[in-house]
Amino acid sequence: MSDLAPEDAKLVTLARATRARVGASEGAAVRDLDGRTYAAASVALPSLALSALQVCVAMAISSGSTGLEAAVVLADGEPDLRAVTDFAGAGVPVHVGDARGAVARTVVS
């Protein structure tokens, strides 16, 4: 996490804390084009299943955001970036880490 810009390190902290608070399998956080941040955990109900990143994108959209600057997703396994790409297009850096918050790589939507 030390190689990340301070604004992106904040996203890691938010994603990690949100995931841990509810004991979810995933945590994510995004920063929109206005600098607002949204953090969420994955949702796993019999009638609704959303990744943490999908919840963050939905929160940003429902708050009137028009795009994303960056995202973080903390989970075991490969993240699905389709929600980020659908909403914000190509070129959004997504920092990917494990459930503990150790960022391993950055991919681009």
Protein backbone atom coordinates (compact mmCIF):
# COMPACT_ATOMS: atom_id res chain seq x y z
CA MET A 1 0.00 0.00 0.00
CA SER A 2 2.98 2.33 0.42
CA ASP A 3 3.29 2.78 -3.38
CA LEU A 4 -0.25 4.14 -3.65
CA ALA A 5 -1.13 7.81 -3.73
CA PRO A 6 -2.60 9.00 -0.42
CA GLU A 7 -6.09 9.27 -1.95
CA ASP A 8 -5.90 5.65 -3.13
CA ALA A 9 -4.49 4.46 0.20
CA LYS A 10 -7.60 6.00 1.80
CA LEU A 11 -9.75 3.85 -0.49
CA VAL A 12 -7.89 0.74 0.70
CA THR A 13 -8.51 1.70 4.33
CA LEU A 14 -12.22 2.27 3.67
CA ALA A 15 -12.62 -1.01 1.77
CA ARG A 16 -10.78 -2.99 4.44
CA ALA A 17 -12.76 -1.46 7.32
CA THR A 18 -16.11 -1.94 5.59
CA ARG A 19 -15.41 -5.58 4.77
CA ALA A 20 -14.21 -6.33 8.30
CA ARG A 21 -17.10 -4.51 9.99
CA VAL A 22 -19.71 -6.78 8.44
CA GLY A 23 -17.58 -9.88 7.97
CA ALA A 24 -18.17 -9.91 4.22
CA SER A 25 -16.09 -11.80 1.70
CA GLU A 26 -15.30 -8.60 -0.25
CA GLY A 27 -14.77 -4.94 0.44
CA ALA A 28 -14.48 -2.15 -2.10
CA ALA A 29 -14.27 1.61 -2.32
CA VAL A 30 -14.43 4.08 -5.20
CA ARG A 31 -13.70 7.76 -5.68
CA ASP A 32 -15.88 9.63 -8.13
CA LEU A 33 -14.93 12.53 -10.40
CA ASP A 34 -15.95 15.03 -7.71
CA GLY A 35 -13.68 13.37 -5.12
CA ARG A 36 -16.50 11.75 -3.16
CA THR A 37 -15.82 8.26 -1.84
CA TYR A 38 -18.14 5.29 -1.48
CA ALA A 39 -17.29 2.08 0.38
CA ALA A 40 -19.26 -1.15 0.52
CA ALA A 41 -19.15 -4.83 1.32
CA SER A 42 -20.45 -7.65 -0.82
CA VAL A 43 -24.11 -8.64 -0.42
CA ALA A 44 -25.11 -12.29 -0.33
CA LEU A 45 -28.83 -12.87 0.17
CA PRO A 46 -31.02 -15.60 -1.29
CA SER A 47 -32.73 -12.97 -3.46
CA LEU A 48 -29.78 -10.62 -4.12
CA ALA A 49 -26.08 -11.15 -4.70
CA LEU A 50 -23.80 -8.20 -5.46
CA SER A 51 -20.06 -7.80 -5.35
CA ALA A 52 -18.68 -5.03 -3.19
CA LEU A 53 -17.57 -3.19 -6.33
CA GLN A 54 -21.07 -3.42 -7.82
CA VAL A 55 -22.53 -1.92 -4.63
CA CYS A 56 -20.02 0.95 -4.72
CA VAL A 57 -20.81 1.72 -8.34
CA ALA A 58 -24.55 1.66 -7.60
CA MET A 59 -24.04 4.03 -4.66
CA ALA A 60 -22.06 6.44 -6.83
CA ILE A 61 -24.66 6.37 -9.61
CA SER A 62 -27.56 6.86 -7.20
CA SER A 63 -25.74 9.85 -5.69
CA GLY A 64 -25.46 11.57 -9.06
CA SER A 65 -21.86 10.78 -9.92
CA THR A 66 -20.87 10.96 -13.56
CA GLY A 67 -17.75 8.80 -13.43
CA LEU A 68 -14.94 7.33 -11.35
CA GLU A 69 -11.32 8.34 -10.76
CA ALA A 70 -10.20 5.15 -9.02
CA ALA A 71 -11.38 2.03 -7.26
CA VAL A 72 -10.14 -0.58 -4.81
CA VAL A 73 -11.46 -4.11 -4.43
CA LEU A 74 -10.30 -6.44 -1.69
CA ALA A 75 -11.29 -10.06 -2.16
CA ASP A 76 -9.95 -13.51 -2.67
CA GLY A 77 -10.23 -14.28 -6.36
CA GLU A 78 -10.43 -12.24 -9.52
CA PRO A 79 -12.69 -9.15 -9.38
CA ASP A 80 -15.38 -8.51 -11.96
CA LEU A 81 -14.76 -5.01 -13.35
CA ARG A 82 -17.78 -4.85 -15.65
CA ALA A 83 -19.72 -2.45 -13.39
CA VAL A 84 -16.79 -0.01 -13.36
CA THR A 85 -16.40 -0.24 -17.14
CA ASP A 86 -20.14 0.06 -17.78
CA PHE A 87 -20.37 3.19 -15.65
CA ALA A 88 -17.03 4.94 -16.05
CA GLY A 89 -15.62 3.46 -19.25
CA ALA A 90 -12.09 2.37 -19.92
CA GLY A 91 -9.05 3.72 -18.14
CA VAL A 92 -10.11 3.66 -14.48
CA PRO A 93 -7.34 2.27 -12.24
CA VAL A 94 -8.59 -0.49 -9.97
CA HIS A 95 -6.26 -1.53 -7.16
CA VAL A 96 -6.79 -5.21 -6.37
CA GLY A 97 -5.87 -6.77 -3.07
CA ASP A 98 -6.65 -9.65 -0.80
CA ALA A 99 -9.30 -9.68 1.91
CA ARG A 100 -6.74 -8.45 4.47
CA GLY A 101 -6.05 -5.30 2.48
CA ALA A 102 -2.68 -6.12 0.91
CA VAL A 103 -2.80 -4.58 -2.57
CA ALA A 104 -1.09 -6.87 -5.07
CA ARG A 105 -1.66 -5.14 -8.39
CA THR A 106 -3.46 -2.43 -10.30
CA VAL A 107 -5.58 -3.20 -13.34
CA VAL A 108 -7.33 -0.76 -15.62
CA SER A 109 -10.98 -0.97 -16.62
